[in-house]
């Protein structure tokens, strides 16, 4: 019985030591994970701040700027664009460009199929614009940018 008792005690001691080591490893892993989360959170906060500044810059530009995804949905616009296209009273975001833009603008965008950088003179309401379309080539940012530059 004594030998058996000593075996159990020895095994218990080994298991306790193993548990202590695993707890240290777990604590280190949790600390590393927390540091990683903190670094990623900081990076996201910086990116968010940059995006807010970028949107602020776009909003004060004296030209209309719109981003359109490959499915033809308007995914980005500046304040000038929201004012020019107050689609449904809430602006053009999230809507299909073919439903929001007048025919002349859609025809300009459609020319991207055959032209690299189509341009056109366009009148919207009583205002004249020089319209330009560019394709985005970044693998993460696909789609097009439409710029409407007011003309005197």
Protein backbone atom coordinates (compact mmCIF):
# COMPACT_ATOMS: atom_id res chain seq x y z
CA UNK A 1 0.00 0.00 0.00
CA UNK A 2 2.88 2.34 0.70
CA UNK A 3 4.39 1.80 -2.76
CA UNK A 4 1.03 2.49 -4.36
CA UNK A 5 0.58 5.57 -2.21
CA UNK A 6 4.03 6.85 -3.19
CA UNK A 7 3.25 6.23 -6.89
CA UNK A 8 0.03 8.25 -6.56
CA UNK A 9 1.84 11.02 -4.76
CA UNK A 10 4.59 11.10 -7.39
CA UNK A 11 2.04 11.13 -10.20
CA UNK A 12 0.06 13.83 -8.40
CA UNK A 13 3.23 15.92 -8.04
CA UNK A 14 4.01 15.48 -11.78
CA UNK A 15 0.47 16.38 -12.76
CA UNK A 16 0.53 19.46 -10.53
CA UNK A 17 3.83 20.56 -12.09
CA UNK A 18 2.45 19.95 -15.58
CA UNK A 19 -0.67 21.95 -14.68
CA UNK A 20 1.48 24.77 -13.32
CA UNK A 21 3.50 24.83 -16.57
CA UNK A 22 0.34 24.77 -18.70
CA UNK A 23 -1.10 27.66 -16.67
CA UNK A 24 2.09 29.67 -17.27
CA UNK A 25 1.89 28.90 -21.01
CA UNK A 26 -1.80 29.84 -21.05
CA UNK A 27 -1.11 33.12 -19.26
CA UNK A 28 1.68 33.92 -21.73
CA UNK A 29 -0.59 33.05 -24.65
CA UNK A 30 -3.36 35.24 -23.25
CA UNK A 31 -0.90 38.12 -22.74
CA UNK A 32 0.36 37.75 -26.32
CA UNK A 33 -3.19 37.59 -27.62
CA UNK A 34 -4.16 40.69 -25.65
CA UNK A 35 -1.12 42.54 -27.03
CA UNK A 36 -2.04 41.47 -30.55
CA UNK A 37 -5.64 42.61 -30.08
CA UNK A 38 -4.43 45.95 -28.70
CA UNK A 39 -2.09 46.48 -31.67
CA UNK A 40 -4.82 45.55 -34.15
CA UNK A 41 -7.29 47.82 -32.37
CA UNK A 42 -4.80 50.71 -32.55
CA UNK A 43 -4.24 50.04 -36.26
CA UNK A 44 -8.01 49.99 -36.90
CA UNK A 45 -8.46 53.22 -34.95
CA UNK A 46 -5.74 54.86 -37.05
CA UNK A 47 -7.32 53.59 -40.28
CA UNK A 48 -10.73 54.81 -39.14
CA UNK A 49 -9.27 58.22 -38.35
CA UNK A 50 -7.61 58.33 -41.78
CA UNK A 51 -10.91 57.38 -43.42
CA UNK A 52 -12.73 60.13 -41.53
CA UNK A 53 -10.15 62.68 -42.65
CA UNK A 54 -10.31 61.36 -46.22
CA UNK A 55 -14.10 61.68 -46.21
CA UNK A 56 -13.76 65.20 -44.81
CA UNK A 57 -11.37 66.10 -47.62
CA UNK A 58 -13.71 64.62 -50.23
CA UNK A 59 -16.67 66.48 -48.74
CA UNK A 60 -15.06 69.90 -49.18
CA UNK A 61 -13.87 69.32 -52.75
CA UNK A 62 -15.64 71.55 -55.27
CA UNK A 63 -16.31 68.54 -57.53
CA UNK A 64 -18.71 65.59 -57.42
CA UNK A 65 -16.96 62.32 -56.51
CA UNK A 66 -18.70 58.92 -56.52
CA UNK A 67 -17.43 55.37 -56.13
CA UNK A 68 -19.30 52.55 -57.85
CA UNK A 69 -18.65 48.87 -57.18
CA UNK A 70 -18.50 46.13 -59.87
CA UNK A 71 -22.20 45.39 -59.29
CA UNK A 72 -23.03 49.01 -60.23
CA UNK A 73 -23.98 50.01 -56.68
CA UNK A 74 -22.95 53.45 -55.49
CA UNK A 75 -20.70 52.77 -52.51
CA UNK A 76 -19.07 56.13 -51.87
CA UNK A 77 -19.85 59.77 -52.47
CA UNK A 78 -18.90 63.18 -51.22
CA UNK A 79 -21.24 65.90 -49.98
CA UNK A 80 -21.47 67.57 -53.39
CA UNK A 81 -22.65 64.24 -54.86
CA UNK A 82 -25.23 63.77 -52.11
CA UNK A 83 -26.59 67.25 -52.82
CA UNK A 84 -26.62 66.77 -56.60
CA UNK A 85 -28.26 63.34 -56.38
CA UNK A 86 -30.57 63.44 -53.33
CA UNK A 87 -32.06 60.12 -54.42
CA UNK A 88 -35.09 59.35 -52.24
CA UNK A 89 -34.12 62.17 -49.89
CA UNK A 90 -31.27 60.14 -48.41
CA UNK A 91 -28.66 60.34 -51.14
CA UNK A 92 -27.36 57.86 -53.68
CA UNK A 93 -25.44 55.44 -51.43
CA UNK A 94 -26.48 51.81 -51.69
CA UNK A 95 -28.45 52.35 -54.88
CA UNK A 96 -27.84 51.12 -58.40
CA UNK A 97 -26.21 53.88 -60.42
CA UNK A 98 -28.59 53.21 -63.34
CA UNK A 99 -31.53 54.22 -61.13
CA UNK A 100 -29.85 57.32 -59.68
CA UNK A 101 -28.00 58.97 -62.56
CA UNK A 102 -29.46 60.60 -65.64
CA UNK A 103 -28.98 58.85 -68.98
CA UNK A 104 -25.97 60.99 -69.96
CA UNK A 105 -24.03 59.98 -66.85
CA UNK A 106 -24.85 56.30 -67.30
CA UNK A 107 -23.81 56.48 -70.95
CA UNK A 108 -20.47 57.98 -69.89
CA UNK A 109 -19.91 55.15 -67.41
CA UNK A 110 -20.94 52.54 -70.00
CA UNK A 111 -18.21 53.85 -72.32
CA UNK A 112 -15.64 52.32 -69.94
CA UNK A 113 -16.26 49.01 -71.71
CA UNK A 114 -14.56 50.40 -74.85
CA UNK A 115 -12.54 53.39 -73.65
CA UNK A 116 -9.82 53.65 -71.03
CA UNK A 117 -10.74 57.07 -69.59
CA UNK A 118 -14.01 58.33 -71.03
CA UNK A 119 -14.88 62.01 -70.67
CA UNK A 120 -17.98 63.97 -71.60
CA UNK A 121 -19.72 67.30 -71.15
CA UNK A 122 -22.87 66.72 -69.12
CA UNK A 123 -25.69 68.96 -67.98
CA UNK A 124 -27.54 68.11 -64.77
CA UNK A 125 -30.36 70.44 -63.90
CA UNK A 126 -29.08 73.88 -64.84
CA UNK A 127 -25.46 73.00 -64.12
CA UNK A 128 -22.80 71.94 -66.64
CA UNK A 129 -20.06 69.45 -65.76
CA UNK A 130 -17.07 67.79 -67.32
CA UNK A 131 -17.52 64.13 -66.45
CA UNK A 132 -14.62 61.71 -66.13
CA UNK A 133 -14.59 58.02 -65.23
CA UNK A 134 -11.66 55.93 -64.00
CA UNK A 135 -11.45 52.24 -63.25
CA UNK A 136 -9.95 51.17 -59.91
CA UNK A 137 -7.20 48.60 -60.34
CA UNK A 138 -6.45 47.63 -56.75
CA UNK A 139 -7.40 44.02 -55.98
CA UNK A 140 -9.17 45.13 -52.80
CA UNK A 141 -10.85 48.17 -54.34
CA UNK A 142 -12.55 47.21 -57.53
CA UNK A 143 -15.04 49.32 -59.40
CA UNK A 144 -14.94 52.83 -60.79
CA UNK A 145 -14.71 56.46 -59.73
CA UNK A 146 -16.91 59.07 -61.35
CA UNK A 147 -15.90 62.72 -61.11
CA UNK A 148 -18.11 65.55 -62.26
CA UNK A 149 -16.20 68.83 -62.45
CA UNK A 150 -18.37 71.97 -62.60
CA UNK A 151 -17.84 74.20 -65.60
CA UNK A 152 -18.41 77.94 -65.65
